[in-house]
Amino acid sequence: LCKLKEYHLDHQLLHWITDFLCNRKQRV
């Protein structure tokens, strides 16, 4: 996410990618 911010991605797009990546859970 820090790298994506450095590449000046749109704020809404960064928010969407953050939602896509973060707060994911898994179990086995």
All heavy atoms as atom14 arrays in JSON, in Angstrom:
{
  "sequence": "LCKLKEYHLDHQLLHWITDFLCNRKQRV",
  "atom14_mask": [
    [1, 1, 1, 1, 1, 1, 1, 1, 0, 0, 0, 0, 0, 0],
    [1, 1, 1, 1, 1, 1, 0, 0, 0, 0, 0, 0, 0, 0],
    [1, 1, 1, 1, 1, 1, 1, 1, 1, 0, 0, 0, 0, 0],
    [1, 1, 1, 1, 1, 1, 1, 1, 0, 0, 0, 0, 0, 0],
    [1, 1, 1, 1, 1, 1, 1, 1, 1, 0, 0, 0, 0, 0],
    [1, 1, 1, 1, 1, 1, 1, 1, 1, 0, 0, 0, 0, 0],
    [1, 1, 1, 1, 1, 1, 1, 1, 1, 1, 1, 1, 0, 0],
    [1, 1, 1, 1, 1, 1, 1, 1, 1, 1, 0, 0, 0, 0],
    [1, 1, 1, 1, 1, 1, 1, 1, 0, 0, 0, 0, 0, 0],
    [1, 1, 1, 1, 1, 1, 1, 1, 0, 0, 0, 0, 0, 0],
    [1, 1, 1, 1, 1, 1, 1, 1, 1, 1, 0, 0, 0, 0],
    [1, 1, 1, 1, 1, 1, 1, 1, 1, 0, 0, 0, 0, 0],
    [1, 1, 1, 1, 1, 1, 1, 1, 0, 0, 0, 0, 0, 0],
    [1, 1, 1, 1, 1, 1, 1, 1, 0, 0, 0, 0, 0, 0],
    [1, 1, 1, 1, 1, 1, 1, 1, 1, 1, 0, 0, 0, 0],
    [1, 1, 1, 1, 1, 1, 1, 1, 1, 1, 1, 1, 1, 1],
    [1, 1, 1, 1, 1, 1, 1, 1, 0, 0, 0, 0, 0, 0],
    [1, 1, 1, 1, 1, 1, 1, 0, 0, 0, 0, 0, 0, 0],
    [1, 1, 1, 1, 1, 1, 1, 1, 0, 0, 0, 0, 0, 0],
    [1, 1, 1, 1, 1, 1, 1, 1, 1, 1, 1, 0, 0, 0],
    [1, 1, 1, 1, 1, 1, 1, 1, 0, 0, 0, 0, 0, 0],
    [1, 1, 1, 1, 1, 1, 0, 0, 0, 0, 0, 0, 0, 0],
    [1, 1, 1, 1, 1, 1, 1, 1, 0, 0, 0, 0, 0, 0],
    [1, 1, 1, 1, 1, 1, 1, 1, 1, 1, 1, 0, 0, 0],
    [1, 1, 1, 1, 1, 1, 1, 1, 1, 0, 0, 0, 0, 0],
    [1, 1, 1, 1, 1, 1, 1, 1, 1, 0, 0, 0, 0, 0],
    [1, 1, 1, 1, 1, 1, 1, 1, 1, 1, 1, 0, 0, 0],
    [1, 1, 1, 1, 1, 1, 1, 0, 0, 0, 0, 0, 0, 0]
  ],
  "atom14_positions": [
    [[0.82, -1.21, 0.0], [0.0, 0.0, 0.0], [0.86, 1.26, 0.0], [0.52, 2.25, -0.67], [-0.97, -0.01, 1.18], [-2.04, -1.09, 1.11], [-2.81, -1.17, 2.43], [-2.98, -0.87, -0.07], [0.0, 0.0, 0.0], [0.0, 0.0, 0.0], [0.0, 0.0, 0.0], [0.0, 0.0, 0.0], [0.0, 0.0, 0.0], [0.0, 0.0, 0.0]],
    [[1.98, 1.24, 0.7], [2.91, 2.39, 0.67], [3.45, 2.61, -0.74], [3.54, 3.75, -1.2], [4.06, 2.17, 1.64], [3.63, 2.44, 3.36], [0.0, 0.0, 0.0], [0.0, 0.0, 0.0], [0.0, 0.0, 0.0], [0.0, 0.0, 0.0], [0.0, 0.0, 0.0], [0.0, 0.0, 0.0], [0.0, 0.0, 0.0], [0.0, 0.0, 0.0]],
    [[3.8, 1.51, -1.41], [4.3, 1.64, -2.78], [3.21, 2.2, -3.7], [3.49, 3.05, -4.55], [4.79, 0.29, -3.31], [6.11, -0.12, -2.72], [6.62, -1.38, -3.37], [7.98, -1.74, -2.77], [8.67, -2.75, -3.56], [0.0, 0.0, 0.0], [0.0, 0.0, 0.0], [0.0, 0.0, 0.0], [0.0, 0.0, 0.0], [0.0, 0.0, 0.0]],
    [[1.99, 1.73, -3.53], [0.9, 2.22, -4.37], [0.69, 3.73, -4.17], [0.43, 4.46, -5.12], [-0.39, 1.46, -4.07], [-0.39, -0.01, -4.49], [-1.64, -0.71, -3.96], [-0.29, -0.15, -6.0], [0.0, 0.0, 0.0], [0.0, 0.0, 0.0], [0.0, 0.0, 0.0], [0.0, 0.0, 0.0], [0.0, 0.0, 0.0], [0.0, 0.0, 0.0]],
    [[0.81, 4.2, -2.93], [0.69, 5.64, -2.66], [1.81, 6.42, -3.34], [1.58, 7.5, -3.88], [0.7, 5.9, -1.16], [-0.56, 5.46, -0.46], [-0.46, 5.65, 1.05], [-1.67, 5.03, 1.73], [-1.54, 5.01, 3.18], [0.0, 0.0, 0.0], [0.0, 0.0, 0.0], [0.0, 0.0, 0.0], [0.0, 0.0, 0.0], [0.0, 0.0, 0.0]],
    [[3.02, 5.85, -3.33], [4.16, 6.5, -3.98], [3.95, 6.65, -5.49], [4.49, 7.56, -6.1], [5.44, 5.71, -3.72], [5.9, 5.72, -2.28], [6.4, 7.08, -1.85], [7.11, 7.75, -2.63], [6.09, 7.49, -0.72], [0.0, 0.0, 0.0], [0.0, 0.0, 0.0], [0.0, 0.0, 0.0], [0.0, 0.0, 0.0], [0.0, 0.0, 0.0]],
    [[3.18, 5.75, -6.07], [2.9, 5.79, -7.51], [1.69, 6.67, -7.83], [1.22, 6.69, -8.96], [2.68, 4.39, -8.06], [3.95, 3.57, -8.17], [4.08, 2.36, -7.52], [5.03, 4.01, -8.94], [5.24, 1.6, -7.63], [6.19, 3.27, -9.05], [6.29, 2.06, -8.4], [7.43, 1.31, -8.52], [0.0, 0.0, 0.0], [0.0, 0.0, 0.0]],
    [[1.19, 7.4, -6.85], [0.12, 8.39, -7.03], [-1.16, 7.81, -7.63], [-1.78, 8.43, -8.49], [0.62, 9.56, -7.89], [1.91, 10.13, -7.42], [2.02, 10.84, -6.24], [3.16, 10.08, -7.95], [3.27, 11.21, -6.07], [3.99, 10.76, -7.08], [0.0, 0.0, 0.0], [0.0, 0.0, 0.0], [0.0, 0.0, 0.0], [0.0, 0.0, 0.0]],
    [[-1.56, 6.65, -7.13], [-2.84, 6.1, -7.57], [-3.97, 6.93, -6.98], [-3.83, 7.53, -5.91], [-2.99, 4.65, -7.12], [-2.18, 3.6, -7.88], [-2.51, 2.21, -7.36], [-2.42, 3.66, -9.36], [0.0, 0.0, 0.0], [0.0, 0.0, 0.0], [0.0, 0.0, 0.0], [0.0, 0.0, 0.0], [0.0, 0.0, 0.0], [0.0, 0.0, 0.0]],
    [[-5.07, 6.96, -7.67], [-6.26, 7.66, -7.22], [-6.65, 7.22, -5.81], [-6.58, 6.03, -5.48], [-7.4, 7.36, -8.21], [-8.7, 7.98, -7.79], [-8.83, 9.21, -7.96], [-9.57, 7.23, -7.29], [0.0, 0.0, 0.0], [0.0, 0.0, 0.0], [0.0, 0.0, 0.0], [0.0, 0.0, 0.0], [0.0, 0.0, 0.0], [0.0, 0.0, 0.0]],
    [[-7.07, 8.17, -4.98], [-7.41, 7.89, -3.58], [-8.51, 6.83, -3.47], [-8.44, 5.93, -2.64], [-7.83, 9.18, -2.88], [-8.23, 8.98, -1.46], [-7.32, 8.68, -0.46], [-9.45, 9.0, -0.87], [-7.97, 8.53, 0.68], [-9.26, 8.73, 0.47], [0.0, 0.0, 0.0], [0.0, 0.0, 0.0], [0.0, 0.0, 0.0], [0.0, 0.0, 0.0]],
    [[-9.53, 6.93, -4.3], [-10.62, 5.94, -4.24], [-10.13, 4.55, -4.64], [-10.54, 3.55, -4.06], [-11.78, 6.36, -5.15], [-12.56, 7.52, -4.59], [-13.71, 7.9, -5.51], [-13.59, 7.91, -6.72], [-14.85, 8.22, -4.9], [0.0, 0.0, 0.0], [0.0, 0.0, 0.0], [0.0, 0.0, 0.0], [0.0, 0.0, 0.0], [0.0, 0.0, 0.0]],
    [[-9.25, 4.5, -5.62], [-8.69, 3.23, -6.05], [-7.84, 2.62, -4.93], [-7.92, 1.42, -4.65], [-7.86, 3.4, -7.31], [-7.21, 2.15, -7.88], [-8.26, 1.08, -8.2], [-6.41, 2.49, -9.13], [0.0, 0.0, 0.0], [0.0, 0.0, 0.0], [0.0, 0.0, 0.0], [0.0, 0.0, 0.0], [0.0, 0.0, 0.0], [0.0, 0.0, 0.0]],
    [[-7.05, 3.44, -4.26], [-6.26, 2.96, -3.12], [-7.17, 2.41, -2.03], [-6.87, 1.37, -1.43], [-5.4, 4.09, -2.55], [-4.11, 4.39, -3.28], [-3.48, 5.66, -2.73], [-3.15, 3.23, -3.17], [0.0, 0.0, 0.0], [0.0, 0.0, 0.0], [0.0, 0.0, 0.0], [0.0, 0.0, 0.0], [0.0, 0.0, 0.0], [0.0, 0.0, 0.0]],
    [[-8.26, 3.08, -1.78], [-9.21, 2.62, -0.76], [-9.8, 1.28, -1.17], [-9.93, 0.37, -0.35], [-10.31, 3.68, -0.55], [-11.27, 3.32, 0.52], [-10.94, 3.33, 1.86], [-12.57, 2.91, 0.45], [-11.99, 2.95, 2.57], [-12.99, 2.68, 1.74], [0.0, 0.0, 0.0], [0.0, 0.0, 0.0], [0.0, 0.0, 0.0], [0.0, 0.0, 0.0]],
    [[-10.15, 1.14, -2.43], [-10.72, -0.1, -2.93], [-9.71, -1.25, -2.81], [-10.05, -2.35, -2.38], [-11.17, 0.1, -4.38], [-11.88, -1.07, -4.95], [-13.19, -1.4, -4.79], [-11.32, -2.08, -5.79], [-13.48, -2.56, -5.47], [-12.34, -3.0, -6.09], [-10.04, -2.3, -6.31], [-12.13, -4.1, -6.9], [-9.83, -3.41, -7.11], [-10.87, -4.3, -7.39]],
    [[-8.44, -0.99, -3.18], [-7.4, -2.02, -3.08], [-7.16, -2.38, -1.62], [-6.96, -3.55, -1.28], [-6.11, -1.56, -3.77], [-6.34, -1.49, -5.3], [-4.95, -2.5, -3.46], [-5.21, -0.86, -6.08], [0.0, 0.0, 0.0], [0.0, 0.0, 0.0], [0.0, 0.0, 0.0], [0.0, 0.0, 0.0], [0.0, 0.0, 0.0], [0.0, 0.0, 0.0]],
    [[-7.18, -1.39, -0.74], [-7.02, -1.66, 0.7], [-8.13, -2.6, 1.17], [-7.87, -3.57, 1.89], [-7.05, -0.34, 1.5], [-5.98, 0.49, 1.06], [-6.9, -0.61, 2.99], [0.0, 0.0, 0.0], [0.0, 0.0, 0.0], [0.0, 0.0, 0.0], [0.0, 0.0, 0.0], [0.0, 0.0, 0.0], [0.0, 0.0, 0.0], [0.0, 0.0, 0.0]],
    [[-9.36, -2.33, 0.77], [-10.48, -3.21, 1.13], [-10.31, -4.61, 0.56], [-10.67, -5.6, 1.19], [-11.82, -2.63, 0.66], [-12.28, -1.46, 1.49], [-11.73, -1.25, 2.6], [-13.18, -0.73, 1.05], [0.0, 0.0, 0.0], [0.0, 0.0, 0.0], [0.0, 0.0, 0.0], [0.0, 0.0, 0.0], [0.0, 0.0, 0.0], [0.0, 0.0, 0.0]],
    [[-9.76, -4.69, -0.65], [-9.53, -5.98, -1.31], [-8.5, -6.81, -0.55], [-8.64, -8.02, -0.41], [-9.07, -5.74, -2.75], [-8.68, -6.97, -3.51], [-9.65, -7.88, -3.92], [-7.36, -7.22, -3.83], [-9.3, -9.01, -4.65], [-7.0, -8.34, -4.56], [-7.97, -9.25, -4.97], [0.0, 0.0, 0.0], [0.0, 0.0, 0.0], [0.0, 0.0, 0.0]],
    [[-7.46, -6.15, -0.03], [-6.35, -6.86, 0.62], [-6.54, -7.09, 2.11], [-6.28, -8.18, 2.62], [-5.04, -6.08, 0.42], [-4.47, -6.01, -0.97], [-3.26, -5.09, -0.98], [-4.1, -7.39, -1.47], [0.0, 0.0, 0.0], [0.0, 0.0, 0.0], [0.0, 0.0, 0.0], [0.0, 0.0, 0.0], [0.0, 0.0, 0.0], [0.0, 0.0, 0.0]],
    [[-6.93, -6.05, 2.81], [-6.87, -6.07, 4.27], [-8.11, -6.7, 4.9], [-9.16, -6.81, 4.28], [-6.67, -4.65, 4.79], [-5.13, -3.92, 4.22], [0.0, 0.0, 0.0], [0.0, 0.0, 0.0], [0.0, 0.0, 0.0], [0.0, 0.0, 0.0], [0.0, 0.0, 0.0], [0.0, 0.0, 0.0], [0.0, 0.0, 0.0], [0.0, 0.0, 0.0]],
    [[-7.92, -7.11, 6.15], [-8.99, -7.7, 6.97], [-9.51, -9.02, 6.39], [-10.67, -9.36, 6.57], [-10.14, -6.71, 7.18], [-9.66, -5.47, 7.9], [-8.89, -5.55, 8.83], [-10.1, -4.32, 7.43], [0.0, 0.0, 0.0], [0.0, 0.0, 0.0], [0.0, 0.0, 0.0], [0.0, 0.0, 0.0], [0.0, 0.0, 0.0], [0.0, 0.0, 0.0]],
    [[-8.64, -9.73, 5.7], [-9.02, -11.05, 5.19], [-8.7, -12.09, 6.26], [-7.75, -11.94, 7.03], [-8.26, -11.37, 3.9], [-8.7, -10.47, 2.77], [-8.01, -10.72, 1.43], [-7.52, -12.05, 1.22], [-6.22, -12.34, 1.06], [-5.32, -11.41, 1.09], [-5.84, -13.58, 0.85], [0.0, 0.0, 0.0], [0.0, 0.0, 0.0], [0.0, 0.0, 0.0]],
    [[-9.49, -13.15, 6.3], [-9.29, -14.23, 7.26], [-9.3, -15.56, 6.52], [-9.87, -15.68, 5.44], [-10.4, -14.23, 8.31], [-10.43, -13.0, 9.18], [-11.58, -13.08, 10.16], [-11.62, -11.83, 11.02], [-12.74, -11.87, 11.95], [0.0, 0.0, 0.0], [0.0, 0.0, 0.0], [0.0, 0.0, 0.0], [0.0, 0.0, 0.0], [0.0, 0.0, 0.0]],
    [[-8.68, -16.55, 7.16], [-8.73, -17.9, 6.6], [-8.67, -18.91, 7.74], [-8.26, -18.59, 8.85], [-7.59, -18.14, 5.62], [-6.22, -18.3, 6.25], [-5.16, -18.58, 5.2], [-5.28, -18.2, 4.05], [-4.1, -19.25, 5.61], [0.0, 0.0, 0.0], [0.0, 0.0, 0.0], [0.0, 0.0, 0.0], [0.0, 0.0, 0.0], [0.0, 0.0, 0.0]],
    [[-9.1, -20.11, 7.41], [-8.99, -21.22, 8.35], [-8.71, -22.47, 7.54], [-8.83, -22.49, 6.32], [-10.24, -21.37, 9.2], [-11.49, -21.76, 8.43], [-12.66, -21.86, 9.36], [-13.86, -22.21, 8.6], [-14.99, -22.55, 9.16], [-15.08, -22.57, 10.48], [-16.03, -22.85, 8.44], [0.0, 0.0, 0.0], [0.0, 0.0, 0.0], [0.0, 0.0, 0.0]],
    [[-8.33, -23.52, 8.24], [-7.94, -24.77, 7.6], [-8.88, -25.89, 8.04], [-9.31, -25.93, 9.19], [-6.48, -25.13, 7.99], [-6.06, -26.45, 7.38], [-5.53, -24.02, 7.59], [0.0, 0.0, 0.0], [0.0, 0.0, 0.0], [0.0, 0.0, 0.0], [0.0, 0.0, 0.0], [0.0, 0.0, 0.0], [0.0, 0.0, 0.0], [0.0, 0.0, 0.0]]
  ]
}
